[in-house]
Amino acid sequence: MTPKYRKEIKEKITKYLKGNGLDNIKFMQVEQTFNDLGVEIHVWNVKTEDSSWWVVHGDLGPMNLYPQAAYYLSADEAYSFHMGITQRLIARSAYR
């Protein structure tokens, strides 16, 4: 990930978080990068003043937000759930 790309993605994530009512970002970094099926997916560790989140993002898929508190305790869990939902949405849209 180049510095320019990282900056652009951080700006997108910040805008996405604000659109979901999350302000006061205190910390944001890539926690883990996965490259399954030839698609690079980044799981970002995001801390706000009040909460902790995983933001999963890849160039070929949707960006989504997952809480760290009770449901997704690791980057791997957030990634696995995200990929499962993405595959189900793709399959569902293919049958319509």
PDB file of N, CA and C in Angstrom:
ATOM      1  N   MET A   1       0.853  -1.162   0.000  1.00  0.00           N
ATOM      2  CA  MET A   1       0.000   0.000   0.000  1.00  0.00           C
ATOM      3  C   MET A   1       0.906   1.234   0.000  1.00  0.00           C
ATOM      4  N   THR A   2       0.749   2.055  -1.007  1.00  0.00           N
ATOM      5  CA  THR A   2       1.575   3.258  -1.099  1.00  0.00           C
ATOM      6  C   THR A   2       1.090   4.313  -0.101  1.00  0.00           C
ATOM      7  N   PRO A   3       1.942   5.254   0.267  1.00  0.00           N
ATOM      8  CA  PRO A   3       1.506   6.321   1.174  1.00  0.00           C
ATOM      9  C   PRO A   3       0.329   7.124   0.606  1.00  0.00           C
ATOM     10  N   LYS A   4       0.336   7.365  -0.700  1.00  0.00           N
ATOM     11  CA  LYS A   4      -0.758   8.120  -1.324  1.00  0.00           C
ATOM     12  C   LYS A   4      -2.070   7.341  -1.214  1.00  0.00           C
ATOM     13  N   TYR A   5      -2.034   6.048  -1.517  1.00  0.00           N
ATOM     14  CA  TYR A   5      -3.225   5.203  -1.428  1.00  0.00           C
ATOM     15  C   TYR A   5      -3.725   5.144   0.009  1.00  0.00           C
ATOM     16  N   ARG A   6      -2.796   4.980   0.965  1.00  0.00           N
ATOM     17  CA  ARG A   6      -3.167   4.922   2.384  1.00  0.00           C
ATOM     18  C   ARG A   6      -3.881   6.210   2.795  1.00  0.00           C
ATOM     19  N   LYS A   7      -3.376   7.347   2.365  1.00  0.00           N
ATOM     20  CA  LYS A   7      -3.993   8.633   2.706  1.00  0.00           C
ATOM     21  C   LYS A   7      -5.403   8.730   2.118  1.00  0.00           C
ATOM     22  N   GLU A   8      -5.558   8.312   0.849  1.00  0.00           N
ATOM     23  CA  GLU A   8      -6.871   8.354   0.202  1.00  0.00           C
ATOM     24  C   GLU A   8      -7.877   7.459   0.917  1.00  0.00           C
ATOM     25  N   ILE A   9      -7.445   6.259   1.296  1.00  0.00           N
ATOM     26  CA  ILE A   9      -8.337   5.325   1.977  1.00  0.00           C
ATOM     27  C   ILE A   9      -8.690   5.840   3.368  1.00  0.00           C
ATOM     28  N   LYS A  10      -7.727   6.415   4.076  1.00  0.00           N
ATOM     29  CA  LYS A  10      -8.014   6.985   5.399  1.00  0.00           C
ATOM     30  C   LYS A  10      -9.088   8.075   5.288  1.00  0.00           C
ATOM     31  N   GLU A  11      -9.007   8.891   4.238  1.00  0.00           N
ATOM     32  CA  GLU A  11     -10.010   9.933   4.030  1.00  0.00           C
ATOM     33  C   GLU A  11     -11.379   9.321   3.742  1.00  0.00           C
ATOM     34  N   LYS A  12     -11.426   8.257   2.928  1.00  0.00           N
ATOM     35  CA  LYS A  12     -12.686   7.572   2.638  1.00  0.00           C
ATOM     36  C   LYS A  12     -13.278   6.958   3.901  1.00  0.00           C
ATOM     37  N   ILE A  13     -12.430   6.333   4.698  1.00  0.00           N
ATOM     38  CA  ILE A  13     -12.900   5.703   5.936  1.00  0.00           C
ATOM     39  C   ILE A  13     -13.425   6.762   6.898  1.00  0.00           C
ATOM     40  N   THR A  14     -12.721   7.875   7.027  1.00  0.00           N
ATOM     41  CA  THR A  14     -13.162   8.958   7.903  1.00  0.00           C
ATOM     42  C   THR A  14     -14.538   9.463   7.478  1.00  0.00           C
ATOM     43  N   LYS A  15     -14.723   9.658   6.189  1.00  0.00           N
ATOM     44  CA  LYS A  15     -16.018  10.113   5.662  1.00  0.00           C
ATOM     45  C   LYS A  15     -17.096   9.055   5.921  1.00  0.00           C
ATOM     46  N   TYR A  16     -16.756   7.799   5.712  1.00  0.00           N
ATOM     47  CA  TYR A  16     -17.690   6.694   5.950  1.00  0.00           C
ATOM     48  C   TYR A  16     -18.100   6.634   7.418  1.00  0.00           C
ATOM     49  N   LEU A  17     -17.131   6.763   8.312  1.00  0.00           N
ATOM     50  CA  LEU A  17     -17.426   6.741   9.742  1.00  0.00           C
ATOM     51  C   LEU A  17     -18.319   7.902  10.147  1.00  0.00           C
ATOM     52  N   LYS A  18     -18.022   9.086   9.656  1.00  0.00           N
ATOM     53  CA  LYS A  18     -18.848  10.253   9.975  1.00  0.00           C
ATOM     54  C   LYS A  18     -20.264  10.062   9.459  1.00  0.00           C
ATOM     55  N   GLY A  19     -20.407   9.427   8.285  1.00  0.00           N
ATOM     56  CA  GLY A  19     -21.725   9.120   7.738  1.00  0.00           C
ATOM     57  C   GLY A  19     -22.501   8.127   8.592  1.00  0.00           C
ATOM     58  N   ASN A  20     -21.797   7.394   9.428  1.00  0.00           N
ATOM     59  CA  ASN A  20     -22.414   6.448  10.352  1.00  0.00           C
ATOM     60  C   ASN A  20     -22.453   6.983  11.782  1.00  0.00           C
ATOM     61  N   GLY A  21     -22.277   8.291  11.915  1.00  0.00           N
ATOM     62  CA  GLY A  21     -22.383   8.940  13.221  1.00  0.00           C
ATOM     63  C   GLY A  21     -21.195   8.754  14.136  1.00  0.00           C
ATOM     64  N   LEU A  22     -20.040   8.383  13.579  1.00  0.00           N
ATOM     65  CA  LEU A  22     -18.848   8.168  14.401  1.00  0.00           C
ATOM     66  C   LEU A  22     -17.826   9.267  14.137  1.00  0.00           C
ATOM     67  N   ASP A  23     -17.635  10.095  15.133  1.00  0.00           N
ATOM     68  CA  ASP A  23     -16.678  11.195  15.047  1.00  0.00           C
ATOM     69  C   ASP A  23     -15.569  10.974  16.068  1.00  0.00           C
ATOM     70  N   ASN A  24     -14.691  11.936  16.176  1.00  0.00           N
ATOM     71  CA  ASN A  24     -13.604  11.910  17.159  1.00  0.00           C
ATOM     72  C   ASN A  24     -12.727  10.665  17.029  1.00  0.00           C
ATOM     73  N   ILE A  25     -12.239  10.416  15.830  1.00  0.00           N
ATOM     74  CA  ILE A  25     -11.355   9.278  15.588  1.00  0.00           C
ATOM     75  C   ILE A  25     -10.027   9.556  16.287  1.00  0.00           C
ATOM     76  N   LYS A  26      -9.615   8.628  17.132  1.00  0.00           N
ATOM     77  CA  LYS A  26      -8.374   8.772  17.890  1.00  0.00           C
ATOM     78  C   LYS A  26      -7.234   7.946  17.308  1.00  0.00           C
ATOM     79  N   PHE A  27      -7.586   6.869  16.588  1.00  0.00           N
ATOM     80  CA  PHE A  27      -6.573   5.939  16.100  1.00  0.00           C
ATOM     81  C   PHE A  27      -7.138   5.203  14.887  1.00  0.00           C
ATOM     82  N   MET A  28      -6.287   5.026  13.855  1.00  0.00           N
ATOM     83  CA  MET A  28      -6.701   4.279  12.675  1.00  0.00           C
ATOM     84  C   MET A  28      -5.460   3.703  12.003  1.00  0.00           C
ATOM     85  N   GLN A  29      -5.449   2.372  11.847  1.00  0.00           N
ATOM     86  CA  GLN A  29      -4.336   1.746  11.138  1.00  0.00           C
ATOM     87  C   GLN A  29      -4.800   0.424  10.539  1.00  0.00           C
ATOM     88  N   VAL A  30      -4.100  -0.030   9.508  1.00  0.00           N
ATOM     89  CA  VAL A  30      -4.381  -1.334   8.933  1.00  0.00           C
ATOM     90  C   VAL A  30      -3.905  -2.383   9.927  1.00  0.00           C
ATOM     91  N   GLU A  31      -4.812  -3.230  10.339  1.00  0.00           N
ATOM     92  CA  GLU A  31      -4.474  -4.284  11.292  1.00  0.00           C
ATOM     93  C   GLU A  31      -3.988  -5.535  10.559  1.00  0.00           C
ATOM     94  N   GLN A  32      -4.655  -5.849   9.452  1.00  0.00           N
ATOM     95  CA  GLN A  32      -4.301  -7.054   8.710  1.00  0.00           C
ATOM     96  C   GLN A  32      -4.764  -6.908   7.267  1.00  0.00           C
ATOM     97  N   THR A  33      -3.998  -7.473   6.351  1.00  0.00           N
ATOM     98  CA  THR A  33      -4.356  -7.495   4.934  1.00  0.00           C
ATOM     99  C   THR A  33      -4.467  -8.939   4.496  1.00  0.00           C
ATOM    100  N   PHE A  34      -5.545  -9.236   3.787  1.00  0.00           N
ATOM    101  CA  PHE A  34      -5.796 -10.582   3.276  1.00  0.00           C
ATOM    102  C   PHE A  34      -5.791 -10.526   1.756  1.00  0.00           C
ATOM    103  N   ASN A  35      -5.355 -11.602   1.135  1.00  0.00           N
ATOM    104  CA  ASN A  35      -5.367 -11.673  -0.324  1.00  0.00           C
ATOM    105  C   ASN A  35      -5.860 -13.057  -0.736  1.00  0.00           C
ATOM    106  N   ASP A  36      -7.143 -13.269  -0.538  1.00  0.00           N
ATOM    107  CA  ASP A  36      -7.777 -14.517  -0.926  1.00  0.00           C
ATOM    108  C   ASP A  36      -8.480 -14.307  -2.261  1.00  0.00           C
ATOM    109  N   LEU A  37      -8.446 -15.305  -3.088  1.00  0.00           N
ATOM    110  CA  LEU A  37      -9.136 -15.267  -4.378  1.00  0.00           C
ATOM    111  C   LEU A  37      -8.653 -14.120  -5.257  1.00  0.00           C
ATOM    112  N   GLY A  38      -7.411 -13.678  -5.035  1.00  0.00           N
ATOM    113  CA  GLY A  38      -6.834 -12.626  -5.866  1.00  0.00           C
ATOM    114  C   GLY A  38      -7.342 -11.228  -5.578  1.00  0.00           C
ATOM    115  N   VAL A  39      -8.034 -11.063  -4.469  1.00  0.00           N
ATOM    116  CA  VAL A  39      -8.577  -9.755  -4.098  1.00  0.00           C
ATOM    117  C   VAL A  39      -7.931  -9.325  -2.787  1.00  0.00           C
ATOM    118  N   GLU A  40      -7.352  -8.140  -2.772  1.00  0.00           N
ATOM    119  CA  GLU A  40      -6.715  -7.631  -1.555  1.00  0.00           C
ATOM    120  C   GLU A  40      -7.741  -6.887  -0.707  1.00  0.00           C
ATOM    121  N   ILE A  41      -7.882  -7.340   0.538  1.00  0.00           N
ATOM    122  CA  ILE A  41      -8.825  -6.749   1.491  1.00  0.00           C
ATOM    123  C   ILE A  41      -8.047  -6.308   2.723  1.00  0.00           C
ATOM    124  N   HIS A  42      -8.297  -5.075   3.158  1.00  0.00           N
ATOM    125  CA  HIS A  42      -7.630  -4.516   4.335  1.00  0.00           C
ATOM    126  C   HIS A  42      -8.637  -4.413   5.481  1.00  0.00           C
ATOM    127  N   VAL A  43      -8.216  -4.836   6.649  1.00  0.00           N
ATOM    128  CA  VAL A  43      -9.025  -4.678   7.852  1.00  0.00           C
ATOM    129  C   VAL A  43      -8.351  -3.609   8.709  1.00  0.00           C
ATOM    130  N   TRP A  44      -9.071  -2.517   8.899  1.00  0.00           N
ATOM    131  CA  TRP A  44      -8.558  -1.379   9.653  1.00  0.00           C
ATOM    132  C   TRP A  44      -9.055  -1.435  11.091  1.00  0.00           C
ATOM    133  N   ASN A  45      -8.172  -1.137  12.014  1.00  0.00           N
ATOM    134  CA  ASN A  45      -8.492  -1.028  13.425  1.00  0.00           C
ATOM    135  C   ASN A  45      -8.736   0.451  13.698  1.00  0.00           C
ATOM    136  N   VAL A  46      -9.965   0.778  14.101  1.00  0.00           N
ATOM    137  CA  VAL A  46     -10.341   2.179  14.301  1.00  0.00           C
ATOM    138  C   VAL A  46     -10.847   2.367  15.727  1.00  0.00           C
ATOM    139  N   LYS A  47     -10.304   3.352  16.392  1.00  0.00           N
ATOM    140  CA  LYS A  47     -10.743   3.700  17.739  1.00  0.00           C
ATOM    141  C   LYS A  47     -11.291   5.123  17.701  1.00  0.00           C
ATOM    142  N   THR A  48     -12.493   5.290  18.242  1.00  0.00           N
ATOM    143  CA  THR A  48     -13.040   6.626  18.426  1.00  0.00           C
ATOM    144  C   THR A  48     -12.960   6.945  19.915  1.00  0.00           C
ATOM    145  N   GLU A  49     -13.464   8.077  20.278  1.00  0.00           N
ATOM    146  CA  GLU A  49     -13.436   8.456  21.686  1.00  0.00           C
ATOM    147  C   GLU A  49     -14.217   7.461  22.549  1.00  0.00           C
ATOM    148  N   ASP A  50     -15.300   6.890  21.978  1.00  0.00           N
ATOM    149  CA  ASP A  50     -16.194   6.040  22.764  1.00  0.00           C
ATOM    150  C   ASP A  50     -16.210   4.569  22.386  1.00  0.00           C
ATOM    151  N   SER A  51     -15.633   4.200  21.239  1.00  0.00           N
ATOM    152  CA  SER A  51     -15.810   2.825  20.767  1.00  0.00           C
ATOM    153  C   SER A  51     -14.658   2.362  19.879  1.00  0.00           C
ATOM    154  N   SER A  52     -14.681   1.054  19.584  1.00  0.00           N
ATOM    155  CA  SER A  52     -13.657   0.432  18.735  1.00  0.00           C
ATOM    156  C   SER A  52     -14.347  -0.303  17.594  1.00  0.00           C
ATOM    157  N   TRP A  53     -13.776  -0.184  16.395  1.00  0.00           N
ATOM    158  CA  TRP A  53     -14.409  -0.736  15.200  1.00  0.00           C
ATOM    159  C   TRP A  53     -13.401  -1.390  14.279  1.00  0.00           C
ATOM    160  N   TRP A  54     -13.879  -2.336  13.486  1.00  0.00           N
ATOM    161  CA  TRP A  54     -13.137  -2.865  12.351  1.00  0.00           C
ATOM    162  C   TRP A  54     -13.791  -2.269  11.113  1.00  0.00           C
ATOM    163  N   VAL A  55     -12.999  -1.732  10.215  1.00  0.00           N
ATOM    164  CA  VAL A  55     -13.506  -1.292   8.922  1.00  0.00           C
ATOM    165  C   VAL A  55     -12.830  -2.183   7.890  1.00  0.00           C
ATOM    166  N   VAL A  56     -13.650  -2.891   7.124  1.00  0.00           N
ATOM    167  CA  VAL A  56     -13.129  -3.813   6.112  1.00  0.00           C
ATOM    168  C   VAL A  56     -13.325  -3.165   4.755  1.00  0.00           C
ATOM    169  N   HIS A  57     -12.229  -3.108   3.982  1.00  0.00           N
ATOM    170  CA  HIS A  57     -12.258  -2.397   2.702  1.00  0.00           C
ATOM    171  C   HIS A  57     -11.384  -3.092   1.682  1.00  0.00           C
ATOM    172  N   GLY A  58     -11.865  -3.134   0.463  1.00  0.00           N
ATOM    173  CA  GLY A  58     -11.095  -3.623  -0.675  1.00  0.00           C
ATOM    174  C   GLY A  58     -11.547  -2.884  -1.907  1.00  0.00           C
ATOM    175  N   ASP A  59     -10.699  -2.781  -2.895  1.00  0.00           N
ATOM    176  CA  ASP A  59     -11.051  -2.019  -4.091  1.00  0.00           C
ATOM    177  C   ASP A  59     -12.225  -2.616  -4.860  1.00  0.00           C
ATOM    178  N   LEU A  60     -12.402  -3.926  -4.791  1.00  0.00           N
ATOM    179  CA  LEU A  60     -13.440  -4.576  -5.587  1.00  0.00           C
ATOM    180  C   LEU A  60     -14.689  -4.929  -4.789  1.00  0.00           C
ATOM    181  N   GLY A  61     -14.782  -4.460  -3.572  1.00  0.00           N
ATOM    182  CA  GLY A  61     -15.935  -4.809  -2.756  1.00  0.00           C
ATOM    183  C   GLY A  61     -16.395  -3.642  -1.904  1.00  0.00           C
ATOM    184  N   PRO A  62     -17.469  -3.856  -1.176  1.00  0.00           N
ATOM    185  CA  PRO A  62     -18.008  -2.788  -0.333  1.00  0.00           C
ATOM    186  C   PRO A  62     -17.158  -2.558   0.916  1.00  0.00           C
ATOM    187  N   MET A  63     -17.264  -1.359   1.449  1.00  0.00           N
ATOM    188  CA  MET A  63     -16.655  -1.041   2.742  1.00  0.00           C
ATOM    189  C   MET A  63     -17.719  -1.304   3.795  1.00  0.00           C
ATOM    190  N   ASN A  64     -17.321  -1.896   4.904  1.00  0.00           N
ATOM    191  CA  ASN A  64     -18.289  -2.124   5.960  1.00  0.00           C
ATOM    192  C   ASN A  64     -17.628  -1.970   7.316  1.00  0.00           C
ATOM    193  N   LEU A  65     -18.469  -1.780   8.302  1.00  0.00           N
ATOM    194  CA  LEU A  65     -18.079  -1.432   9.660  1.00  0.00           C
ATOM    195  C   LEU A  65     -18.576  -2.515  10.607  1.00  0.00           C
ATOM    196  N   TYR A  66     -17.696  -2.989  11.502  1.00  0.00           N
ATOM    197  CA  TYR A  66     -18.050  -4.039  12.451  1.00  0.00           C
ATOM    198  C   TYR A  66     -17.558  -3.652  13.837  1.00  0.00           C
ATOM    199  N   PRO A  67     -18.407  -3.801  14.865  1.00  0.00           N
ATOM    200  CA  PRO A  67     -17.980  -3.435  16.226  1.00  0.00           C
ATOM    201  C   PRO A  67     -16.994  -4.446  16.792  1.00  0.00           C
ATOM    202  N   GLN A  68     -16.004  -3.954  17.498  1.00  0.00           N
ATOM    203  CA  GLN A  68     -15.040  -4.845  18.143  1.00  0.00           C
ATOM    204  C   GLN A  68     -15.536  -5.323  19.499  1.00  0.00           C
ATOM    205  N   ALA A  69     -16.401  -4.577  20.119  1.00  0.00           N
ATOM    206  CA  ALA A  69     -16.766  -4.793  21.511  1.00  0.00           C
ATOM    207  C   ALA A  69     -17.228  -6.217  21.838  1.00  0.00           C
ATOM    208  N   ALA A  70     -18.239  -6.712  21.168  1.00  0.00           N
ATOM    209  CA  ALA A  70     -18.794  -7.995  21.582  1.00  0.00           C
ATOM    210  C   ALA A  70     -18.854  -9.038  20.483  1.00  0.00           C
ATOM    211  N   TYR A  71     -18.853  -8.609  19.246  1.00  0.00           N
ATOM    212  CA  TYR A  71     -19.137  -9.543  18.166  1.00  0.00           C
ATOM    213  C   TYR A  71     -17.911  -9.973  17.373  1.00  0.00           C
ATOM    214  N   TYR A  72     -17.064  -9.044  17.017  1.00  0.00           N
ATOM    215  CA  TYR A  72     -15.915  -9.327  16.152  1.00  0.00           C
ATOM    216  C   TYR A  72     -14.648  -8.964  16.916  1.00  0.00           C
ATOM    217  N   LEU A  73     -14.077  -9.946  17.562  1.00  0.00           N
ATOM    218  CA  LEU A  73     -12.973  -9.685  18.471  1.00  0.00           C
ATOM    219  C   LEU A  73     -11.621  -9.620  17.778  1.00  0.00           C
ATOM    220  N   SER A  74     -11.552 -10.067  16.528  1.00  0.00           N
ATOM    221  CA  SER A  74     -10.272 -10.022  15.817  1.00  0.00           C
ATOM    222  C   SER A  74     -10.491  -9.555  14.384  1.00  0.00           C
ATOM    223  N   ALA A  75      -9.412  -9.128  13.776  1.00  0.00           N
ATOM    224  CA  ALA A  75      -9.466  -8.720  12.366  1.00  0.00           C
ATOM    225  C   ALA A  75      -9.892  -9.900  11.498  1.00  0.00           C
ATOM    226  N   ASP A  76      -9.427 -11.085  11.832  1.00  0.00           N
ATOM    227  CA  ASP A  76      -9.765 -12.284  11.070  1.00  0.00           C
ATOM    228  C   ASP A  76     -11.267 -12.578  11.124  1.00  0.00           C
ATOM    229  N   GLU A  77     -11.878 -12.422  12.289  1.00  0.00           N
ATOM    230  CA  GLU A  77     -13.326 -12.648  12.409  1.00  0.00           C
ATOM    231  C   GLU A  77     -14.107 -11.627  11.583  1.00  0.00           C
ATOM    232  N   ALA A  78     -13.721 -10.370  11.648  1.00  0.00           N
ATOM    233  CA  ALA A  78     -14.410  -9.337  10.864  1.00  0.00           C
ATOM    234  C   ALA A  78     -14.261  -9.611   9.375  1.00  0.00           C
ATOM    235  N   TYR A  79     -13.060  -9.981   8.951  1.00  0.00           N
ATOM    236  CA  TYR A  79     -12.802 -10.303   7.538  1.00  0.00           C
ATOM    237  C   TYR A  79     -13.639 -11.496   7.091  1.00  0.00           C
ATOM    238  N   SER A  80     -13.663 -12.550   7.882  1.00  0.00           N
ATOM    239  CA  SER A  80     -14.406 -13.757   7.521  1.00  0.00           C
ATOM    240  C   SER A  80     -15.895 -13.463   7.386  1.00  0.00           C
ATOM    241  N   PHE A  81     -16.445 -12.720   8.325  1.00  0.00           N
ATOM    242  CA  PHE A  81     -17.859 -12.358   8.252  1.00  0.00           C
ATOM    243  C   PHE A  81     -18.123 -11.490   7.026  1.00  0.00           C
ATOM    244  N   HIS A  82     -17.258 -10.527   6.797  1.00  0.00           N
ATOM    245  CA  HIS A  82     -17.404  -9.614   5.659  1.00  0.00           C
ATOM    246  C   HIS A  82     -17.392 -10.384   4.338  1.00  0.00           C
ATOM    247  N   MET A  83     -16.462 -11.306   4.187  1.00  0.00           N
ATOM    248  CA  MET A  83     -16.380 -12.078   2.946  1.00  0.00           C
ATOM    249  C   MET A  83     -17.616 -12.957   2.768  1.00  0.00           C
ATOM    250  N   GLY A  84     -18.113 -13.529   3.857  1.00  0.00           N
ATOM    251  CA  GLY A  84     -19.318 -14.345   3.780  1.00  0.00           C
ATOM    252  C   GLY A  84     -20.519 -13.542   3.328  1.00  0.00           C
ATOM    253  N   ILE A  85     -20.696 -12.374   3.913  1.00  0.00           N
ATOM    254  CA  ILE A  85     -21.824 -11.508   3.513  1.00  0.00           C
ATOM    255  C   ILE A  85     -21.671 -11.055   2.065  1.00  0.00           C
ATOM    256  N   THR A  86     -20.454 -10.677   1.680  1.00  0.00           N
ATOM    257  CA  THR A  86     -20.215 -10.229   0.307  1.00  0.00           C
ATOM    258  C   THR A  86     -20.561 -11.336  -0.679  1.00  0.00           C
ATOM    259  N   GLN A  87     -20.142 -12.558  -0.401  1.00  0.00           N
ATOM    260  CA  GLN A  87     -20.444 -13.680  -1.293  1.00  0.00           C
ATOM    261  C   GLN A  87     -21.947 -13.941  -1.372  1.00  0.00           C
ATOM    262  N   ARG A  88     -22.644 -13.843  -0.264  1.00  0.00           N
ATOM    263  CA  ARG A  88     -24.083 -14.046  -0.274  1.00  0.00           C
ATOM    264  C   ARG A  88     -24.790 -12.962  -1.083  1.00  0.00           C
ATOM    265  N   LEU A  89     -24.354 -11.718  -0.958  1.00  0.00           N
ATOM    266  CA  LEU A  89     -24.964 -10.634  -1.730  1.00  0.00           C
ATOM    267  C   LEU A  89     -24.719 -10.809  -3.223  1.00  0.00           C
ATOM    268  N   ILE A  90     -23.508 -11.224  -3.581  1.00  0.00           N
ATOM    269  CA  ILE A  90     -23.191 -11.459  -4.989  1.00  0.00           C
ATOM    270  C   ILE A  90     -24.063 -12.593  -5.539  1.00  0.00           C
ATOM    271  N   ALA A  91     -24.180 -13.669  -4.785  1.00  0.00           N
ATOM    272  CA  ALA A  91     -24.997 -14.803  -5.214  1.00  0.00           C
ATOM    273  C   ALA A  91     -26.461 -14.414  -5.340  1.00  0.00           C
ATOM    274  N   ARG A  92     -26.950 -13.654  -4.385  1.00  0.00           N
ATOM    275  CA  ARG A  92     -28.356 -13.224  -4.407  1.00  0.00           C
ATOM    276  C   ARG A  92     -28.640 -12.342  -5.613  1.00  0.00           C
ATOM    277  N   SER A  93     -27.728 -11.426  -5.937  1.00  0.00           N
ATOM    278  CA  SER A  93     -27.962 -10.538  -7.077  1.00  0.00           C
ATOM    279  C   SER A  93     -27.830 -11.267  -8.397  1.00  0.00           C
ATOM    280  N   ALA A  94     -27.090 -12.353  -8.437  1.00  0.00           N
ATOM    281  CA  ALA A  94     -26.931 -13.137  -9.673  1.00  0.00           C
ATOM    282  C   ALA A  94     -28.211 -13.885 -10.025  1.00  0.00           C
ATOM    283  N   TYR A  95     -29.039 -14.190  -9.038  1.00  0.00           N
ATOM    284  CA  TYR A  95     -30.275 -14.928  -9.279  1.00  0.00           C
ATOM    285  C   TYR A  95     -31.477 -14.033  -9.537  1.00  0.00           C
ATOM    286  N   ARG A  96     -31.289 -12.754  -9.541  1.00  0.00           N
ATOM    287  CA  ARG A  96     -32.413 -11.816  -9.782  1.00  0.00           C
ATOM    288  C   ARG A  96     -32.432 -11.349 -11.195  1.00  0.00           C
TER     289      ARG A  96
END
